[in-house]
C-alpha atoms as a PDB file:
ATOM      1  CA  MET A   1       0.039   0.001   0.503  1.00  0.00           C
ATOM      2  CA  LYS A   2       2.578   2.292   1.243  1.00  0.00           C
ATOM      3  CA  TYR A   3       4.365   1.956  -2.182  1.00  0.00           C
ATOM      4  CA  THR A   4       1.484   2.488  -4.402  1.00  0.00           C
ATOM      5  CA  ALA A   5       1.091   5.589  -2.715  1.00  0.00           C
ATOM      6  CA  ILE A   6       4.844   6.717  -3.371  1.00  0.00           C
ATOM      7  CA  ILE A   7       4.141   5.255  -6.945  1.00  0.00           C
ATOM      8  CA  LEU A   8       1.708   7.684  -7.321  1.00  0.00           C
ATOM      9  CA  ILE A   9       2.760  10.552  -5.542  1.00  0.00           C
ATOM     10  CA  THR A  10       5.994   9.924  -7.099  1.00  0.00           C
ATOM     11  CA  LEU A  11       4.185   9.744 -11.141  1.00  0.00           C
ATOM     12  CA  PHE A  12       2.125  13.352 -10.540  1.00  0.00           C
ATOM     13  CA  ILE A  13       5.296  15.160  -9.534  1.00  0.00           C
ATOM     14  CA  SER A  14       6.957  13.707 -12.549  1.00  0.00           C
ATOM     15  CA  PHE A  15       4.158  14.839 -14.843  1.00  0.00           C
ATOM     16  CA  SER A  16       4.431  18.543 -12.936  1.00  0.00           C
ATOM     17  CA  SER A  17       6.888  20.031 -14.312  1.00  0.00           C
ATOM     18  CA  ALA A  18       7.466  23.562 -12.710  1.00  0.00           C
ATOM     19  CA  ALA A  19       7.957  26.832 -15.956  1.00  0.00           C
ATOM     20  CA  ALA A  20      10.936  28.833 -15.939  1.00  0.00           C
ATOM     21  CA  GLN A  21      10.075  32.222 -13.880  1.00  0.00           C
ATOM     22  CA  GLU A  22      10.849  36.022 -14.708  1.00  0.00           C
ATOM     23  CA  SER A  23      13.217  38.147 -11.771  1.00  0.00           C
ATOM     24  CA  ALA A  24      11.564  41.411 -12.051  1.00  0.00           C
ATOM     25  CA  ALA A  25      15.338  42.193 -14.424  1.00  0.00           C
ATOM     26  CA  GLY A  26      12.859  39.750 -17.242  1.00  0.00           C
ATOM     27  CA  GLU A  27      16.195  37.217 -16.321  1.00  0.00           C
ATOM     28  CA  PRO A  28      15.430  33.253 -16.508  1.00  0.00           C
ATOM     29  CA  ALA A  29      15.465  33.590 -12.251  1.00  0.00           C
ATOM     30  CA  ALA A  30      16.680  30.357 -10.457  1.00  0.00           C
ATOM     31  CA  ARG A  31      14.169  27.842 -10.832  1.00  0.00           C
ATOM     32  CA  GLU A  32      12.783  26.542  -7.421  1.00  0.00           C
ATOM     33  CA  PRO A  33      11.124  22.922  -6.519  1.00  0.00           C
ATOM     34  CA  ARG A  34       7.242  23.777  -7.663  1.00  0.00           C
ATOM     35  CA  ALA A  35       6.672  22.609  -4.544  1.00  0.00           C
ATOM     36  CA  ALA A  36       8.156  25.640  -2.915  1.00  0.00           C
ATOM     37  CA  VAL A  37       6.801  28.333  -5.146  1.00  0.00           C
ATOM     38  CA  VAL A  38       4.799  30.124  -3.685  1.00  0.00           C
ATOM     39  CA  LEU A  39       1.216  31.597  -4.696  1.00  0.00           C
ATOM     40  CA  ALA A  40      -0.366  33.434  -1.902  1.00  0.00           C
ATOM     41  CA  ASP A  41       0.267  34.568   0.907  1.00  0.00           C
ATOM     42  CA  GLY A  42      -1.537  36.255   4.137  1.00  0.00           C
ATOM     43  CA  HIS A  43      -4.367  34.109   5.336  1.00  0.00           C
ATOM     44  CA  GLY A  44      -1.785  30.853   6.069  1.00  0.00           C
ATOM     45  CA  ARG A  45       0.689  29.710   2.534  1.00  0.00           C
ATOM     46  CA  LEU A  46      -0.861  28.754  -0.524  1.00  0.00           C
ATOM     47  CA  THR A  47       1.715  27.146  -2.497  1.00  0.00           C
ATOM     48  CA  GLN A  48       2.189  25.098  -5.639  1.00  0.00           C
ATOM     49  CA  SER A  49       2.485  21.845  -5.202  1.00  0.00           C
ATOM     50  CA  MET A  50      -1.509  21.900  -2.954  1.00  0.00           C
ATOM     51  CA  VAL A  51      -3.284  23.791  -6.081  1.00  0.00           C
ATOM     52  CA  ASP A  52      -2.025  21.051  -7.407  1.00  0.00           C
ATOM     53  CA  ARG A  53      -3.078  18.145  -5.689  1.00  0.00           C
ATOM     54  CA  VAL A  54      -6.323  20.043  -4.738  1.00  0.00           C
ATOM     55  CA  VAL A  55      -7.133  19.274  -8.837  1.00  0.00           C
ATOM     56  CA  GLY A  56      -5.634  16.277  -9.488  1.00  0.00           C
ATOM     57  CA  PHE A  57      -7.732  15.057  -6.381  1.00  0.00           C
ATOM     58  CA  PHE A  58     -10.570  16.358  -8.295  1.00  0.00           C
ATOM     59  CA  GLU A  59      -9.664  15.477 -11.211  1.00  0.00           C
ATOM     60  CA  TRP A  60      -9.466  11.809  -9.739  1.00  0.00           C
ATOM     61  CA  SER A  61     -12.656  11.926  -7.683  1.00  0.00           C
ATOM     62  CA  LEU A  62     -14.643  13.464 -11.151  1.00  0.00           C
ATOM     63  CA  ASP A  63     -12.810  11.204 -13.177  1.00  0.00           C
ATOM     64  CA  VAL A  64     -12.119  13.774 -15.266  1.00  0.00           C
ATOM     65  CA  GLU A  65      -9.089  15.512 -16.532  1.00  0.00           C
ATOM     66  CA  LEU A  66      -8.684  18.792 -16.334  1.00  0.00           C
ATOM     67  CA  SER A  67      -7.333  20.668 -18.801  1.00  0.00           C
ATOM     68  CA  ASP A  68      -4.012  23.230 -19.249  1.00  0.00           C
ATOM     69  CA  ALA A  69      -6.085  26.539 -19.836  1.00  0.00           C
ATOM     70  CA  GLN A  70      -8.699  25.023 -17.614  1.00  0.00           C
ATOM     71  CA  ARG A  71      -5.795  24.520 -14.629  1.00  0.00           C
ATOM     72  CA  ALA A  72      -4.424  27.568 -14.864  1.00  0.00           C
ATOM     73  CA  GLU A  73      -8.667  29.309 -14.792  1.00  0.00           C
ATOM     74  CA  PHE A  74      -8.770  27.155 -11.108  1.00  0.00           C
ATOM     75  CA  GLN A  75      -5.855  27.766  -9.790  1.00  0.00           C
ATOM     76  CA  ARG A  76      -6.892  31.891 -10.490  1.00  0.00           C
ATOM     77  CA  GLU A  77      -9.488  31.508  -8.852  1.00  0.00           C
ATOM     78  CA  VAL A  78      -7.693  29.599  -5.841  1.00  0.00           C
ATOM     79  CA  VAL A  79      -5.431  32.488  -5.225  1.00  0.00           C
ATOM     80  CA  GLU A  80      -7.827  34.917  -5.895  1.00  0.00           C
ATOM     81  CA  ASN A  81     -10.206  34.214  -3.271  1.00  0.00           C
ATOM     82  CA  TRP A  82      -6.842  33.176  -1.065  1.00  0.00           C
ATOM     83  CA  ASN A  83      -5.728  36.581  -1.720  1.00  0.00           C
ATOM     84  CA  ASN A  84      -9.540  38.160  -1.329  1.00  0.00           C
ATOM     85  CA  GLY A  85      -9.513  36.314   1.591  1.00  0.00           C
ATOM     86  CA  GLN A  86     -12.372  34.157   1.460  1.00  0.00           C
ATOM     87  CA  GLU A  87     -11.795  31.965   4.268  1.00  0.00           C
ATOM     88  CA  SER A  88     -14.991  29.669   3.955  1.00  0.00           C
ATOM     89  CA  GLU A  89     -13.172  28.958  -0.067  1.00  0.00           C
ATOM     90  CA  ILE A  90      -9.210  29.227   1.730  1.00  0.00           C
ATOM     91  CA  ARG A  91     -10.826  26.075   4.314  1.00  0.00           C
ATOM     92  CA  GLY A  92     -11.965  24.041   1.524  1.00  0.00           C
ATOM     93  CA  VAL A  93      -8.368  23.948   0.212  1.00  0.00           C
ATOM     94  CA  PHE A  94      -7.453  22.755   3.369  1.00  0.00           C
ATOM     95  CA  TYR A  95     -10.326  20.162   3.269  1.00  0.00           C
ATOM     96  CA  ILE A  96      -9.177  18.841   0.192  1.00  0.00           C
ATOM     97  CA  LEU A  97      -5.758  18.284   1.074  1.00  0.00           C
ATOM     98  CA  GLU A  98      -7.245  16.847   4.354  1.00  0.00           C
ATOM     99  CA  LEU A  99      -9.249  13.743   2.615  1.00  0.00           C
ATOM    100  CA  ALA A 100      -6.714  13.811  -0.216  1.00  0.00           C
ATOM    101  CA  ARG A 101      -4.295  12.992   2.752  1.00  0.00           C
ATOM    102  CA  GLU A 102      -7.023  10.383   4.086  1.00  0.00           C
ATOM    103  CA  LEU A 103      -6.933   8.525   1.318  1.00  0.00           C
ATOM    104  CA  ASP A 104      -3.120   7.335   0.773  1.00  0.00           C
ATOM    105  CA  HIS A 105      -3.869   5.386   4.016  1.00  0.00           C
ATOM    106  CA  LEU A 106      -6.566   3.493   2.660  1.00  0.00           C
ATOM    107  CA  ASP A 107      -6.261  -0.064   0.894  1.00  0.00           C
ATOM    108  CA  ASP A 108      -7.529   0.128  -3.181  1.00  0.00           C
ATOM    109  CA  ALA A 109     -11.398  -1.530  -1.834  1.00  0.00           C
ATOM    110  CA  ARG A 110     -12.046   1.026   0.473  1.00  0.00           C
ATOM    111  CA  ARG A 111     -10.352   4.257  -1.681  1.00  0.00           C
ATOM    112  CA  LEU A 112     -12.918   2.910  -4.541  1.00  0.00           C
ATOM    113  CA  GLU A 113     -15.683   3.197  -2.738  1.00  0.00           C
ATOM    114  CA  THR A 114     -15.040   6.498  -1.129  1.00  0.00           C
ATOM    115  CA  ARG A 115     -14.261   7.478  -4.486  1.00  0.00           C
ATOM    116  CA  ILE A 116     -18.127   6.897  -5.289  1.00  0.00           C
ATOM    117  CA  GLU A 117     -19.059   7.897  -2.386  1.00  0.00           C
ATOM    118  CA  LEU A 118     -17.318  12.021  -2.647  1.00  0.00           C
ATOM    119  CA  ARG A 119     -17.891  12.057  -6.510  1.00  0.00           C
ATOM    120  CA  ASP A 120     -21.648  11.134  -5.464  1.00  0.00           C
ATOM    121  CA  ARG A 121     -21.346  14.237  -2.936  1.00  0.00           C
ATOM    122  CA  PHE A 122     -19.274  16.684  -4.276  1.00  0.00           C
ATOM    123  CA  LEU A 123     -21.273  16.806  -8.102  1.00  0.00           C
ATOM    124  CA  GLU A 124     -24.433  17.450  -5.517  1.00  0.00           C
ATOM    125  CA  GLU A 125     -22.945  20.057  -4.388  1.00  0.00           C
ATOM    126  CA  LEU A 126     -21.182  20.742  -7.610  1.00  0.00           C
ATOM    127  CA  GLU A 127     -24.843  21.977  -9.044  1.00  0.00           C
ATOM    128  CA  TYR A 128     -26.104  22.928  -6.167  1.00  0.00           C
ATOM    129  CA  ARG A 129     -23.917  26.339  -6.384  1.00  0.00           C
ATOM    130  CA  SER A 130     -22.738  26.004  -9.744  1.00  0.00           C
ATOM    131  CA  SER A 131     -22.475  29.885  -9.093  1.00  0.00           C
ATOM    132  CA  ASN A 132     -19.204  29.516  -8.135  1.00  0.00           C
ATOM    133  CA  ARG A 133     -16.298  29.594 -10.718  1.00  0.00           C
ATOM    134  CA  ILE A 134     -14.721  26.655  -9.285  1.00  0.00           C
ATOM    135  CA  ASN A 135     -17.372  25.032  -9.367  1.00  0.00           C
ATOM    136  CA  ALA A 136     -18.775  25.729 -12.990  1.00  0.00           C
ATOM    137  CA  LEU A 137     -15.481  25.206 -13.812  1.00  0.00           C
ATOM    138  CA  LEU A 138     -15.718  21.635 -12.062  1.00  0.00           C
ATOM    139  CA  LEU A 139     -18.772  20.358 -13.084  1.00  0.00           C
ATOM    140  CA  ALA A 140     -19.024  20.880 -16.806  1.00  0.00           C
ATOM    141  CA  SER A 141     -15.623  19.459 -17.258  1.00  0.00           C
ATOM    142  CA  TYR A 142     -17.366  17.005 -15.746  1.00  0.00           C
ATOM    143  CA  ARG A 143     -20.998  16.682 -17.975  1.00  0.00           C
ATOM    144  CA  GLU A 144     -18.384  16.872 -20.889  1.00  0.00           C
ATOM    145  CA  ARG A 145     -16.325  13.868 -20.078  1.00  0.00           C
ATOM    146  CA  HIS A 146     -19.590  11.747 -18.549  1.00  0.00           C
ATOM    147  CA  GLY A 147     -22.495  13.588 -20.295  1.00  0.00           C
ATOM    148  CA  ARG A 148     -25.560  14.204 -17.959  1.00  0.00           C
ATOM    149  CA  ILE A 149     -25.870  12.310 -14.957  1.00  0.00           C
ATOM    150  CA  ASP A 150     -30.140  12.254 -13.371  1.00  0.00           C
ATOM    151  CA  ASN A 151     -28.914   8.946 -11.299  1.00  0.00           C
ATOM    152  CA  LEU A 152     -25.779   8.983  -9.422  1.00  0.00           C
ATOM    153  CA  SER A 153     -26.123   6.114  -7.732  1.00  0.00           C
ATOM    154  CA  ALA A 154     -26.679   4.642 -11.053  1.00  0.00           C
ATOM    155  CA  ALA A 155     -23.964   5.673 -12.067  1.00  0.00           C
ATOM    156  CA  ALA A 156     -22.288   4.146  -8.977  1.00  0.00           C
ATOM    157  CA  GLU A 157     -22.745   0.643 -10.608  1.00  0.00           C
ATOM    158  CA  LYS A 158     -20.936   1.412 -13.755  1.00  0.00           C
END
């Protein structure tokens, strides 16, 4: 189980390459590890790796793959929420990160059960709060891949 989690984390990190940063003078800055890139500060640090983990968690739980443009939009929204001190959104990031950590300790069968439970719960919340830009983005991505699902428990049996 530990090896599976380590392999998944390693694959996740290896596919997440950090772009070169430009300094104020326009010269390439020294590359920092992706995890060390701070996107926002002030309400606790929001790092690139936190956003990547949240995106990955939603992609996994909803069985979707966000495009680069969707990932960038997702990140912009999270950073904006963070900078604006939107406490419920900030707590939501920490909640998702905690869920992701808990999943690391589950066996494959329980992880699959949890994925179905989370997907159903998230889809209900995404539809209920679809005016939220992040929710609308995730819901649109889900519908693009899976179409409309009227009965989530029937979908879970597929």
